[in-house]
Amino acid sequence: MLVEIDEHGMIGHARVRHARSPIGIEIVGRARLPAGFKAVGKEAELTLDELRGRRGIYDEPTAAQNQSLSWLVSVLQEAIRIDSEEVFRHPLVSRKNPTEAQGANWKMQVPTP
């Protein structure tokens, strides 16, 4: 399962591969290049999107994103009985930018209605 949370804390989409797959956390947004970054050598020939994929930095999730993520993960864990040990940042279970979902916190207390 892949869960995407946008920059406003809204759930972008969730894809389910099969009911017992681990949950991969991906925060949707665009990576920015480090301040003062200058492409040299072969990197100078890459597109901006390719550079972002290789060298980009994703911003830390907002409190709203983490709160939405915590709620969603708790609901999914209960509904499809996934242990907390099976919830990962997306770059840990698939090839992605290592800074993606950095700072994602899905273990916040979820308010009850």
Foldseek 3Di string as FASTA:
>chain_A
DEWEAEQQQHTPDDDDPDLAAFYAYFYDDFFDAPPPDDDDDPRNVDDPNVCCFVHGADDAHDPSNLLSLLVVVVVSCVVSVHDPVRYYHNVVVDPGDVNTNVNRHNNDDHDDD
